[in-house]
N, C-alpha and C. Protein backbone atom coordinates (compact mmCIF):
# COMPACT_ATOMS: atom_id res chain seq x y z
N MET A 1 -6.42 -25.02 133.39
CA MET A 1 -7.01 -25.83 132.34
C MET A 1 -8.35 -26.35 132.99
N SER A 2 -9.32 -26.22 132.30
CA SER A 2 -10.68 -26.46 132.42
C SER A 2 -10.92 -28.10 132.75
N LYS A 3 -12.09 -28.46 133.35
CA LYS A 3 -12.31 -29.81 133.69
C LYS A 3 -12.57 -30.64 132.40
N ILE A 4 -12.25 -31.75 132.18
CA ILE A 4 -12.75 -32.56 131.15
C ILE A 4 -13.16 -33.93 131.52
N GLU A 5 -13.81 -34.69 130.72
CA GLU A 5 -14.22 -35.97 131.48
C GLU A 5 -13.23 -37.02 130.99
N LYS A 6 -12.50 -37.30 132.12
CA LYS A 6 -11.44 -38.44 131.93
C LYS A 6 -11.91 -40.00 131.66
N ILE A 7 -11.13 -40.73 131.07
CA ILE A 7 -11.53 -41.99 130.80
C ILE A 7 -10.97 -42.95 131.78
N LYS A 8 -11.84 -43.62 132.41
CA LYS A 8 -11.52 -44.68 133.58
C LYS A 8 -11.11 -45.99 132.73
N MET A 9 -9.79 -46.28 133.22
CA MET A 9 -9.07 -47.66 132.44
C MET A 9 -9.54 -48.75 133.26
N PRO A 10 -9.88 -49.95 132.59
CA PRO A 10 -10.20 -51.20 133.25
C PRO A 10 -9.23 -51.60 134.26
N LEU A 11 -9.45 -52.36 135.41
CA LEU A 11 -8.50 -53.20 136.24
C LEU A 11 -7.53 -54.01 135.43
N GLU A 12 -7.98 -54.73 134.32
CA GLU A 12 -7.19 -55.51 133.66
C GLU A 12 -5.84 -54.68 133.15
N LYS A 13 -6.08 -53.54 132.74
CA LYS A 13 -4.84 -52.70 132.10
C LYS A 13 -4.01 -52.42 133.35
N ARG A 14 -4.24 -52.04 134.57
CA ARG A 14 -3.61 -51.88 135.41
C ARG A 14 -2.75 -53.19 135.98
N VAL A 15 -3.49 -54.24 136.16
CA VAL A 15 -2.77 -55.56 136.24
C VAL A 15 -1.65 -55.95 135.50
N LEU A 16 -1.97 -55.59 133.93
CA LEU A 16 -0.92 -55.75 133.19
C LEU A 16 0.26 -54.92 133.37
N ASP A 17 -0.01 -53.59 133.67
CA ASP A 17 1.04 -52.73 134.01
C ASP A 17 2.17 -53.30 134.97
N ILE A 18 1.42 -53.86 136.08
CA ILE A 18 2.27 -54.31 137.22
C ILE A 18 2.96 -55.60 136.90
N ILE A 19 2.35 -56.46 136.27
CA ILE A 19 2.80 -57.74 135.95
C ILE A 19 4.07 -57.56 134.99
N ILE A 20 3.86 -56.78 133.81
CA ILE A 20 4.68 -56.56 132.95
C ILE A 20 6.02 -55.87 133.57
N GLY A 21 5.66 -54.78 134.33
CA GLY A 21 6.59 -53.87 134.92
C GLY A 21 7.46 -54.80 135.95
N ILE A 22 7.07 -55.60 136.55
CA ILE A 22 7.90 -56.56 137.59
C ILE A 22 8.76 -57.49 136.83
N PHE A 23 8.06 -57.98 135.73
CA PHE A 23 8.66 -58.84 134.73
C PHE A 23 10.08 -58.11 134.15
N LEU A 24 9.60 -56.83 133.72
CA LEU A 24 10.96 -56.05 133.04
C LEU A 24 11.96 -55.90 134.09
N VAL A 25 11.63 -55.44 135.22
CA VAL A 25 12.59 -55.28 136.40
C VAL A 25 13.61 -56.40 136.39
N ILE A 26 13.02 -57.43 136.74
CA ILE A 26 13.65 -58.74 137.00
C ILE A 26 14.65 -59.19 135.87
N ILE A 27 13.93 -59.07 134.49
CA ILE A 27 14.91 -59.39 133.33
C ILE A 27 15.89 -58.47 133.15
N LEU A 28 15.63 -57.20 133.32
CA LEU A 28 16.77 -56.16 132.85
C LEU A 28 17.51 -55.73 134.06
N LEU A 29 17.36 -56.44 135.31
CA LEU A 29 18.21 -56.09 136.30
C LEU A 29 19.93 -56.15 136.09
N PRO A 30 20.28 -57.26 135.27
CA PRO A 30 21.90 -57.18 135.04
C PRO A 30 22.17 -55.91 134.08
N PHE A 31 21.32 -55.51 133.32
CA PHE A 31 21.56 -54.33 132.45
C PHE A 31 21.40 -53.09 133.40
N ILE A 32 20.49 -52.97 134.23
CA ILE A 32 20.51 -51.95 135.13
C ILE A 32 21.69 -51.67 135.93
N ILE A 33 22.25 -52.85 136.53
CA ILE A 33 23.44 -52.72 137.27
C ILE A 33 24.68 -52.32 136.33
N PHE A 34 24.60 -52.85 135.09
CA PHE A 34 25.76 -52.42 134.25
C PHE A 34 25.79 -50.95 133.88
N VAL A 35 24.59 -50.52 133.69
CA VAL A 35 24.43 -49.08 133.45
C VAL A 35 24.98 -48.24 134.60
N LEU A 36 24.65 -48.48 135.91
CA LEU A 36 24.97 -48.00 137.04
C LEU A 36 26.38 -47.86 137.10
N LEU A 37 27.18 -49.02 136.66
CA LEU A 37 28.70 -49.17 136.95
C LEU A 37 29.27 -48.31 135.79
N VAL A 38 28.65 -48.23 134.39
CA VAL A 38 29.20 -47.43 133.51
C VAL A 38 29.20 -46.04 133.78
N MET A 39 28.09 -45.48 134.39
CA MET A 39 27.82 -44.26 134.96
C MET A 39 28.91 -43.73 135.85
N LEU A 40 29.01 -44.67 136.79
CA LEU A 40 30.07 -44.59 137.85
C LEU A 40 31.47 -44.39 137.48
N VAL A 41 31.75 -45.37 136.51
CA VAL A 41 33.21 -45.44 136.03
C VAL A 41 33.58 -43.84 135.20
N GLU A 42 32.49 -43.61 134.34
CA GLU A 42 32.48 -42.49 133.48
C GLU A 42 32.69 -41.15 134.34
N GLY A 43 31.98 -41.36 135.50
CA GLY A 43 32.09 -40.21 136.14
C GLY A 43 33.41 -39.99 137.09
N ILE A 44 34.00 -41.08 137.31
CA ILE A 44 35.20 -41.04 137.92
C ILE A 44 36.42 -40.53 136.91
N PHE A 45 36.49 -40.73 135.62
CA PHE A 45 37.33 -40.29 134.77
C PHE A 45 36.89 -38.93 133.94
N LEU A 46 35.69 -38.55 134.10
CA LEU A 46 35.23 -37.58 133.21
C LEU A 46 34.35 -36.57 134.18
N ARG A 47 34.93 -35.64 134.57
CA ARG A 47 34.24 -34.48 135.42
C ARG A 47 32.99 -33.99 134.95
N SER A 48 32.92 -33.90 133.69
CA SER A 48 31.88 -33.24 132.97
C SER A 48 30.59 -34.46 133.00
N SER A 49 30.85 -35.62 133.31
CA SER A 49 29.65 -36.57 133.37
C SER A 49 29.37 -37.00 134.81
N ARG A 50 30.07 -36.26 135.71
CA ARG A 50 29.50 -36.53 137.07
C ARG A 50 27.93 -35.90 137.23
N GLY A 51 27.34 -36.52 138.09
CA GLY A 51 25.94 -36.14 138.51
C GLY A 51 25.14 -37.38 139.17
N PRO A 52 23.67 -37.11 139.37
CA PRO A 52 22.89 -38.01 139.84
C PRO A 52 22.64 -39.06 139.00
N ILE A 53 22.15 -40.12 139.36
CA ILE A 53 21.83 -41.27 138.43
C ILE A 53 20.64 -40.92 137.71
N PHE A 54 19.67 -40.39 138.43
CA PHE A 54 18.29 -40.07 137.92
C PHE A 54 18.22 -38.54 137.86
N TYR A 55 17.18 -38.07 136.83
CA TYR A 55 16.81 -36.73 137.13
C TYR A 55 15.13 -36.66 136.70
N THR A 56 14.62 -35.62 137.09
CA THR A 56 13.28 -35.74 136.94
C THR A 56 12.73 -34.56 136.19
N GLU A 57 11.50 -34.81 135.48
CA GLU A 57 10.87 -33.74 134.74
C GLU A 57 9.50 -33.51 135.28
N THR A 58 8.93 -32.17 135.28
CA THR A 58 7.55 -32.23 135.64
C THR A 58 6.70 -32.37 134.38
N ARG A 59 5.77 -33.32 134.25
CA ARG A 59 4.95 -33.60 133.02
C ARG A 59 3.66 -33.76 133.46
N ILE A 60 2.81 -33.89 132.31
CA ILE A 60 1.26 -33.93 132.70
C ILE A 60 0.76 -35.44 132.18
N SER A 61 0.16 -35.94 132.97
CA SER A 61 -0.63 -37.33 132.66
C SER A 61 -2.06 -37.27 133.23
N GLN A 62 -2.90 -37.56 132.06
CA GLN A 62 -4.41 -37.45 132.43
C GLN A 62 -4.79 -36.05 132.95
N GLY A 63 -3.88 -34.95 132.68
CA GLY A 63 -4.21 -33.67 133.09
C GLY A 63 -3.89 -33.38 134.47
N GLU A 64 -3.11 -34.31 135.22
CA GLU A 64 -2.41 -34.16 136.45
C GLU A 64 -0.84 -34.14 136.32
N THR A 65 -0.21 -33.17 137.02
CA THR A 65 1.10 -33.11 137.09
C THR A 65 1.84 -34.20 137.85
N PHE A 66 3.10 -34.68 137.55
CA PHE A 66 3.82 -35.45 138.18
C PHE A 66 5.49 -35.41 137.83
N LYS A 67 6.32 -36.08 138.61
CA LYS A 67 7.65 -35.99 138.41
C LYS A 67 7.84 -37.30 137.74
N LEU A 68 8.39 -37.00 136.49
CA LEU A 68 8.86 -38.21 135.48
C LEU A 68 10.29 -38.52 135.62
N TYR A 69 10.68 -39.81 135.83
CA TYR A 69 11.82 -40.39 136.08
C TYR A 69 12.45 -40.63 134.91
N LYS A 70 13.95 -40.46 134.89
CA LYS A 70 14.69 -40.77 133.74
C LYS A 70 16.17 -41.08 134.21
N PHE A 71 16.86 -41.89 133.46
CA PHE A 71 18.29 -41.93 133.65
C PHE A 71 18.85 -40.50 133.17
N ARG A 72 19.92 -40.31 134.03
CA ARG A 72 20.57 -38.79 133.55
C ARG A 72 21.46 -38.99 132.34
N ILE A 73 21.05 -38.53 131.23
CA ILE A 73 21.85 -38.63 130.08
C ILE A 73 22.73 -37.41 129.84
N PHE A 74 22.52 -36.33 130.59
CA PHE A 74 23.20 -35.18 130.20
C PHE A 74 24.53 -34.82 130.98
N LYS A 75 25.51 -34.16 130.34
CA LYS A 75 26.56 -33.87 130.95
C LYS A 75 26.13 -32.69 132.13
N THR A 76 27.14 -32.70 133.19
CA THR A 76 26.72 -31.89 134.33
C THR A 76 26.33 -30.32 133.98
N ASP A 77 26.93 -29.71 133.22
CA ASP A 77 26.70 -28.24 132.92
C ASP A 77 25.46 -28.13 131.96
N VAL A 78 25.22 -29.21 131.34
CA VAL A 78 23.82 -29.14 130.54
C VAL A 78 22.84 -29.33 131.50
N LEU A 79 22.84 -30.33 132.39
CA LEU A 79 21.85 -30.62 133.22
C LEU A 79 21.43 -29.56 134.24
N ASN A 80 22.49 -28.61 134.36
CA ASN A 80 22.31 -27.38 135.34
C ASN A 80 21.46 -26.53 134.76
N ASN A 81 21.71 -26.30 133.41
CA ASN A 81 20.94 -25.27 132.55
C ASN A 81 19.76 -25.86 131.76
N ARG A 82 19.15 -27.00 132.26
CA ARG A 82 18.12 -27.68 131.51
C ARG A 82 16.91 -26.81 131.63
N ASP A 83 16.58 -26.03 132.61
CA ASP A 83 15.37 -25.36 132.53
C ASP A 83 15.11 -24.32 131.83
N PHE A 84 16.13 -23.78 131.03
CA PHE A 84 16.28 -22.74 130.03
C PHE A 84 15.97 -23.29 128.62
N ILE A 85 16.28 -24.57 128.43
CA ILE A 85 16.08 -24.98 127.01
C ILE A 85 15.33 -26.26 126.99
N GLU A 86 14.36 -26.61 126.06
CA GLU A 86 13.44 -27.78 126.06
C GLU A 86 14.54 -28.91 125.86
N THR A 87 13.99 -29.99 126.56
CA THR A 87 14.83 -31.09 126.80
C THR A 87 15.05 -31.85 125.47
N LYS A 88 13.94 -31.92 124.45
CA LYS A 88 14.23 -32.41 123.19
C LYS A 88 15.29 -31.83 122.47
N ARG A 89 15.38 -30.54 122.50
CA ARG A 89 16.43 -29.71 121.76
C ARG A 89 17.69 -29.97 122.35
N LEU A 90 17.97 -30.30 123.72
CA LEU A 90 19.04 -30.61 124.33
C LEU A 90 19.75 -31.99 123.70
N GLU A 91 18.36 -32.95 123.68
CA GLU A 91 18.97 -34.26 123.33
C GLU A 91 19.45 -34.29 121.89
N GLU A 92 19.09 -33.48 121.05
CA GLU A 92 19.41 -33.59 119.55
C GLU A 92 20.93 -33.27 119.47
N ASN A 93 21.51 -32.47 120.30
CA ASN A 93 22.95 -32.33 120.36
C ASN A 93 23.60 -33.35 121.12
N LYS A 94 24.40 -34.23 120.26
CA LYS A 94 24.95 -35.35 121.09
C LYS A 94 26.08 -34.86 121.94
N ASN A 95 26.66 -33.71 121.60
CA ASN A 95 27.72 -33.14 122.63
C ASN A 95 27.29 -32.92 124.10
N ASN A 96 25.81 -32.81 124.24
CA ASN A 96 25.35 -32.64 125.50
C ASN A 96 25.06 -33.80 126.30
N LEU A 97 25.36 -35.02 125.67
CA LEU A 97 25.34 -36.23 126.23
C LEU A 97 26.56 -36.94 126.81
N THR A 98 26.24 -37.67 127.94
CA THR A 98 27.42 -38.36 128.37
C THR A 98 27.42 -39.54 127.63
N TRP A 99 28.68 -40.41 127.61
CA TRP A 99 28.76 -41.76 126.77
C TRP A 99 27.71 -42.52 127.01
N ALA A 100 27.44 -42.89 128.48
CA ALA A 100 26.47 -43.91 128.87
C ALA A 100 25.12 -43.16 128.33
N GLY A 101 24.94 -41.82 128.31
CA GLY A 101 23.71 -41.12 127.80
C GLY A 101 23.46 -41.49 126.45
N LYS A 102 24.50 -41.44 125.73
CA LYS A 102 24.30 -41.58 124.16
C LYS A 102 23.78 -42.93 123.87
N MET A 103 24.29 -44.17 124.72
CA MET A 103 24.09 -45.53 124.60
C MET A 103 22.58 -45.70 125.08
N LEU A 104 22.36 -45.01 126.22
CA LEU A 104 20.84 -45.20 126.63
C LEU A 104 19.99 -44.73 125.70
N LYS A 105 20.17 -43.48 125.17
CA LYS A 105 19.09 -42.88 124.44
C LYS A 105 19.07 -43.69 122.99
N GLN A 106 20.01 -44.15 122.23
CA GLN A 106 19.86 -45.11 121.21
C GLN A 106 19.15 -46.34 121.35
N ILE A 107 18.93 -46.88 122.52
CA ILE A 107 18.13 -48.07 122.80
C ILE A 107 16.98 -47.67 123.69
N TYR A 108 16.66 -46.45 123.84
CA TYR A 108 15.56 -46.07 124.49
C TYR A 108 15.45 -46.37 126.10
N MET A 109 16.52 -46.82 126.50
CA MET A 109 16.61 -47.14 127.91
C MET A 109 16.64 -46.09 128.96
N ASP A 110 17.00 -44.87 128.42
CA ASP A 110 16.89 -43.72 129.22
C ASP A 110 15.64 -43.44 129.95
N GLU A 111 14.50 -44.12 129.26
CA GLU A 111 13.04 -44.10 129.70
C GLU A 111 12.80 -45.24 130.89
N LEU A 112 13.74 -46.27 131.07
CA LEU A 112 13.42 -47.23 131.90
C LEU A 112 13.03 -46.91 133.38
N PRO A 113 13.59 -45.95 133.95
CA PRO A 113 13.03 -45.61 135.50
C PRO A 113 11.74 -45.21 135.45
N GLN A 114 10.97 -44.98 134.28
CA GLN A 114 9.65 -44.61 134.24
C GLN A 114 8.72 -45.75 134.55
N LEU A 115 9.28 -46.77 135.03
CA LEU A 115 8.55 -47.89 135.67
C LEU A 115 8.24 -47.47 136.96
N ILE A 116 9.10 -46.84 137.63
CA ILE A 116 8.85 -46.19 138.91
C ILE A 116 7.45 -45.42 138.89
N ASN A 117 7.22 -44.59 137.85
CA ASN A 117 5.84 -43.80 137.71
C ASN A 117 4.94 -44.85 137.45
N VAL A 118 5.18 -45.83 136.54
CA VAL A 118 3.88 -46.97 136.38
C VAL A 118 3.71 -47.55 137.72
N PHE A 119 4.48 -48.10 138.74
CA PHE A 119 4.09 -48.66 139.88
C PHE A 119 3.42 -47.76 140.65
N HIS A 120 3.77 -46.47 140.65
CA HIS A 120 3.19 -45.36 141.47
C HIS A 120 1.81 -45.14 140.97
N GLY A 121 1.30 -45.53 139.85
CA GLY A 121 0.01 -45.45 139.13
C GLY A 121 0.03 -44.00 138.50
N GLU A 122 1.07 -43.21 138.17
CA GLU A 122 1.15 -42.05 137.59
C GLU A 122 1.10 -42.10 136.03
N MET A 123 1.53 -43.33 135.74
CA MET A 123 1.64 -43.59 134.18
C MET A 123 1.04 -44.88 133.99
N SER A 124 0.87 -45.49 132.58
CA SER A 124 0.71 -46.65 132.29
C SER A 124 1.86 -47.16 131.42
N LEU A 125 1.86 -48.57 131.09
CA LEU A 125 2.88 -48.86 130.14
C LEU A 125 2.80 -48.36 128.86
N VAL A 126 1.62 -48.43 128.31
CA VAL A 126 1.00 -47.92 126.97
C VAL A 126 0.07 -46.76 127.16
N GLY A 127 0.45 -45.54 126.50
CA GLY A 127 -0.59 -44.60 126.58
C GLY A 127 0.15 -43.46 125.52
N PRO A 128 -0.53 -42.16 125.73
CA PRO A 128 0.22 -41.11 124.88
C PRO A 128 1.41 -40.72 125.79
N ARG A 129 2.37 -40.14 125.12
CA ARG A 129 3.69 -39.74 125.97
C ARG A 129 3.31 -38.58 126.56
N PRO A 130 3.77 -38.59 127.86
CA PRO A 130 3.59 -37.17 128.71
C PRO A 130 4.60 -35.88 128.16
N THR A 131 3.84 -34.87 128.19
CA THR A 131 4.44 -33.62 127.97
C THR A 131 4.48 -32.75 129.07
N ASN A 132 5.57 -31.68 128.96
CA ASN A 132 5.91 -30.57 129.84
C ASN A 132 4.54 -29.62 129.86
N LEU A 133 4.45 -28.93 130.89
CA LEU A 133 3.44 -28.00 131.13
C LEU A 133 3.22 -27.03 129.95
N LYS A 134 4.04 -26.50 129.50
CA LYS A 134 4.06 -25.59 128.38
C LYS A 134 3.31 -26.15 127.21
N VAL A 135 3.99 -27.31 126.71
CA VAL A 135 3.29 -28.06 125.33
C VAL A 135 2.10 -28.28 126.01
N SER A 136 1.71 -29.02 127.12
CA SER A 136 0.56 -29.56 127.62
C SER A 136 -0.64 -28.48 127.18
N GLN A 137 -0.19 -27.38 127.84
CA GLN A 137 -1.49 -26.04 127.72
C GLN A 137 -1.50 -25.71 126.39
N LYS A 138 -0.52 -25.87 125.45
CA LYS A 138 -0.61 -25.41 123.91
C LYS A 138 -1.65 -26.39 123.44
N LEU A 139 -1.40 -27.88 123.61
CA LEU A 139 -2.32 -29.00 122.98
C LEU A 139 -3.62 -28.78 123.48
N PHE A 140 -3.84 -28.26 124.94
CA PHE A 140 -5.24 -28.18 125.38
C PHE A 140 -5.85 -26.90 124.68
N ASP A 141 -5.08 -25.93 124.44
CA ASP A 141 -5.82 -24.77 123.76
C ASP A 141 -6.07 -24.99 122.29
N GLU A 142 -5.13 -26.06 121.76
CA GLU A 142 -5.82 -26.37 120.34
C GLU A 142 -6.72 -27.36 120.29
N GLY A 143 -7.36 -27.94 121.44
CA GLY A 143 -8.27 -28.84 121.54
C GLY A 143 -7.67 -30.46 121.26
N SER A 144 -6.40 -30.47 121.50
CA SER A 144 -5.83 -31.80 121.46
C SER A 144 -5.76 -32.33 122.72
N LEU A 145 -6.95 -33.42 123.06
CA LEU A 145 -6.90 -33.89 124.34
C LEU A 145 -6.54 -35.03 124.81
N SER A 146 -5.80 -35.76 123.91
CA SER A 146 -5.43 -37.25 124.25
C SER A 146 -4.71 -37.50 125.49
N LYS A 147 -3.71 -36.36 125.83
CA LYS A 147 -3.01 -36.46 126.83
C LYS A 147 -3.64 -36.27 128.35
N PHE A 148 -5.03 -35.72 128.03
CA PHE A 148 -5.64 -35.48 129.53
C PHE A 148 -6.93 -36.38 129.51
N LEU A 149 -7.06 -37.27 128.61
CA LEU A 149 -8.06 -38.17 128.70
C LEU A 149 -7.79 -39.46 129.49
N ILE A 150 -6.49 -39.89 129.15
CA ILE A 150 -6.17 -41.06 129.82
C ILE A 150 -4.69 -40.91 130.37
N LYS A 151 -4.08 -41.87 131.12
CA LYS A 151 -2.56 -41.81 131.65
C LYS A 151 -1.67 -41.81 130.56
N ALA A 152 -0.68 -41.16 130.92
CA ALA A 152 0.55 -41.16 129.91
C ALA A 152 1.05 -42.49 130.03
N GLY A 153 1.86 -42.87 128.69
CA GLY A 153 2.56 -44.15 128.66
C GLY A 153 4.02 -44.09 128.45
N VAL A 154 4.65 -45.24 128.84
CA VAL A 154 6.16 -45.20 128.63
C VAL A 154 6.37 -45.47 127.11
N THR A 155 5.41 -45.99 126.53
CA THR A 155 5.42 -46.23 125.03
C THR A 155 3.97 -45.96 124.57
N GLY A 156 3.60 -46.03 123.28
CA GLY A 156 2.27 -45.77 122.88
C GLY A 156 2.26 -46.22 121.53
N TYR A 157 0.87 -45.92 121.03
CA TYR A 157 0.51 -46.32 119.70
C TYR A 157 1.35 -45.55 118.66
N TYR A 158 1.65 -44.36 118.99
CA TYR A 158 2.44 -43.61 118.10
C TYR A 158 3.86 -43.90 117.97
N GLN A 159 4.51 -44.31 119.05
CA GLN A 159 5.99 -44.83 118.98
C GLN A 159 6.03 -46.11 118.20
N SER A 160 4.97 -46.91 118.41
CA SER A 160 5.06 -48.19 117.81
C SER A 160 4.77 -48.25 116.18
N HIS A 161 4.48 -47.01 115.89
CA HIS A 161 4.07 -46.74 114.24
C HIS A 161 5.25 -46.00 113.80
N LYS A 162 6.17 -45.64 114.36
CA LYS A 162 7.30 -44.66 113.75
C LYS A 162 7.97 -45.54 112.76
N GLY A 163 8.28 -44.85 111.54
CA GLY A 163 9.20 -45.47 110.49
C GLY A 163 8.11 -45.63 109.39
N ASN A 164 6.85 -45.77 109.62
CA ASN A 164 5.80 -46.02 108.56
C ASN A 164 5.16 -44.61 108.17
N LYS A 165 4.26 -45.00 107.30
CA LYS A 165 3.70 -43.86 106.40
C LYS A 165 2.57 -43.18 107.44
N PHE A 166 2.17 -43.81 108.67
CA PHE A 166 1.20 -43.10 109.48
C PHE A 166 1.97 -42.28 110.54
N HIS A 167 3.32 -42.24 110.60
CA HIS A 167 4.18 -41.45 111.46
C HIS A 167 3.76 -40.21 111.81
N ALA A 168 3.34 -39.31 110.70
CA ALA A 168 3.46 -37.88 110.73
C ALA A 168 2.52 -37.50 111.83
N ASP A 169 1.24 -37.85 112.05
CA ASP A 169 0.25 -37.05 113.03
C ASP A 169 0.29 -37.83 114.39
N GLN A 170 1.03 -37.23 115.23
CA GLN A 170 0.98 -38.04 116.42
C GLN A 170 -0.31 -37.71 117.25
N GLU A 171 -0.96 -36.83 117.32
CA GLU A 171 -2.08 -36.75 118.13
C GLU A 171 -3.20 -37.44 117.55
N LYS A 172 -3.12 -37.72 115.97
CA LYS A 172 -4.32 -38.63 115.47
C LYS A 172 -4.10 -39.81 116.03
N LEU A 173 -2.81 -40.48 115.91
CA LEU A 173 -2.53 -41.80 116.34
C LEU A 173 -2.94 -41.76 117.90
N ASP A 174 -2.57 -40.99 118.53
CA ASP A 174 -2.91 -41.05 120.28
C ASP A 174 -4.43 -41.11 120.36
N MET A 175 -5.16 -40.32 119.66
CA MET A 175 -6.61 -40.26 119.86
C MET A 175 -7.12 -41.72 119.38
N MET A 176 -6.52 -42.29 118.30
CA MET A 176 -7.05 -43.63 117.79
C MET A 176 -6.88 -44.55 119.18
N TYR A 177 -5.88 -44.41 119.68
CA TYR A 177 -5.67 -45.40 120.89
C TYR A 177 -6.61 -44.91 122.16
N VAL A 178 -6.98 -43.72 122.13
CA VAL A 178 -7.81 -43.16 123.27
C VAL A 178 -9.29 -43.87 122.93
N ASP A 179 -9.57 -43.76 121.77
CA ASP A 179 -10.97 -44.25 121.22
C ASP A 179 -11.08 -45.62 121.29
N PHE A 180 -9.89 -46.31 121.21
CA PHE A 180 -9.87 -47.88 121.33
C PHE A 180 -10.12 -48.21 122.81
N CYS A 181 -9.37 -47.43 123.63
CA CYS A 181 -9.79 -47.77 125.16
C CYS A 181 -11.16 -47.50 125.64
N ARG A 182 -11.72 -46.40 125.00
CA ARG A 182 -13.04 -45.80 125.36
C ARG A 182 -13.96 -46.91 124.85
N ASN A 183 -13.96 -47.54 123.67
CA ASN A 183 -14.92 -48.36 123.09
C ASN A 183 -14.78 -49.84 123.18
N ASN A 184 -13.76 -50.32 123.90
CA ASN A 184 -13.59 -51.80 123.95
C ASN A 184 -13.37 -52.29 125.27
N PRO A 185 -13.57 -53.58 125.66
CA PRO A 185 -13.67 -54.09 126.98
C PRO A 185 -12.13 -54.31 127.37
N GLY A 186 -11.86 -54.47 128.78
CA GLY A 186 -10.65 -54.78 129.15
C GLY A 186 -9.74 -55.58 128.64
N TRP A 187 -10.28 -56.79 128.17
CA TRP A 187 -9.46 -58.15 127.66
C TRP A 187 -8.79 -57.61 126.35
N LYS A 188 -9.61 -56.82 125.44
CA LYS A 188 -9.26 -56.18 124.24
C LYS A 188 -8.12 -55.29 124.23
N ILE A 189 -8.24 -54.40 125.28
CA ILE A 189 -7.22 -53.38 125.54
C ILE A 189 -5.81 -54.05 125.89
N VAL A 190 -5.93 -55.23 126.95
CA VAL A 190 -4.72 -55.78 127.26
C VAL A 190 -3.90 -56.31 126.22
N LEU A 191 -4.87 -57.08 125.34
CA LEU A 191 -3.97 -57.66 124.07
C LEU A 191 -3.53 -56.71 123.09
N TYR A 192 -4.30 -55.29 123.02
CA TYR A 192 -3.65 -54.46 122.33
C TYR A 192 -2.50 -53.79 122.79
N ASP A 193 -2.31 -53.62 124.12
CA ASP A 193 -1.08 -52.99 124.79
C ASP A 193 -0.12 -54.10 124.64
N LEU A 194 -0.33 -55.25 124.79
CA LEU A 194 0.59 -56.36 124.61
C LEU A 194 1.30 -56.24 123.16
N LYS A 195 0.53 -55.92 122.19
CA LYS A 195 1.00 -55.79 120.89
C LYS A 195 1.83 -54.64 120.72
N ILE A 196 1.62 -53.54 121.28
CA ILE A 196 2.36 -52.38 121.26
C ILE A 196 3.62 -52.59 122.02
N ILE A 197 3.51 -53.37 123.14
CA ILE A 197 4.71 -53.40 124.05
C ILE A 197 5.77 -54.22 123.16
N LEU A 198 5.20 -55.24 122.46
CA LEU A 198 6.25 -56.22 121.75
C LEU A 198 6.81 -55.40 120.66
N ILE A 199 6.16 -54.58 119.87
CA ILE A 199 6.56 -53.80 119.04
C ILE A 199 7.68 -52.88 119.37
N THR A 200 7.50 -52.33 120.63
CA THR A 200 8.59 -51.57 121.09
C THR A 200 9.77 -52.07 121.64
N ILE A 201 9.59 -53.30 122.36
CA ILE A 201 10.55 -54.26 122.54
C ILE A 201 11.55 -54.47 121.35
N TRP A 202 10.88 -54.93 120.31
CA TRP A 202 11.58 -55.09 118.91
C TRP A 202 12.48 -53.84 118.44
N SER A 203 11.65 -52.72 118.54
CA SER A 203 12.51 -51.28 118.17
C SER A 203 13.73 -51.35 119.12
N VAL A 204 13.67 -51.55 120.39
CA VAL A 204 14.52 -51.17 121.34
C VAL A 204 15.79 -52.37 121.16
N LEU A 205 15.53 -53.67 120.65
CA LEU A 205 16.43 -54.51 120.41
C LEU A 205 17.29 -54.41 118.89
N ARG A 206 16.37 -53.45 118.17
CA ARG A 206 17.26 -52.99 116.87
C ARG A 206 17.83 -51.74 117.04
N ALA A 207 17.86 -51.16 118.31
CA ALA A 207 18.46 -50.11 118.64
C ALA A 207 18.03 -49.00 117.74
N GLU A 208 16.68 -48.89 117.39
CA GLU A 208 16.20 -47.81 116.35
C GLU A 208 16.13 -46.42 117.28
N GLY A 209 15.77 -46.50 118.45
CA GLY A 209 15.49 -45.20 119.23
C GLY A 209 14.07 -44.86 118.91
N LEU A 210 13.14 -44.25 119.95
CA LEU A 210 11.86 -44.16 119.63
C LEU A 210 11.36 -42.50 119.62
């Protein structure tokens, strides 16, 4: 991939990521412990559900590769063959998921470990969703650059608009967010991010999945 001019995010956005990230870890700590216990118990009784707590995927954020963290939602045999089939296709078949995985996927909490990526500075709370290397190259070749201009997000403008008439064009919505970040001061970006985060939390509480 050739060099492109990346957009430097204001310090206020990074500060928001850290503050909200810490807040979420504290608030969700009981849920995290519950998830770990459920995964442990399920693994004791079902051999097919045994495996690591987390798994990683190589993704692109602002044109750079990184290891994206997720709670493991797949059964053991599926996880071992994951390199040969796109993750999204695997997720569509509910038989591939553990019981805990189905629960986590429904409420979008399989993405929660990505707070680790946020703390590491590899992602932001809000931004275009990160894609794998193959998809990223395809998008780049097509001139779809939103995922290369700013850091990837745990949630984003596209996710917050699912379910309405603007849902169809993900790249268009992602570029709208990129343009907003490019043309507005830090405090406006922070307020906009807060709005998207609140919409995402509402979707999680309604167990809509994103």
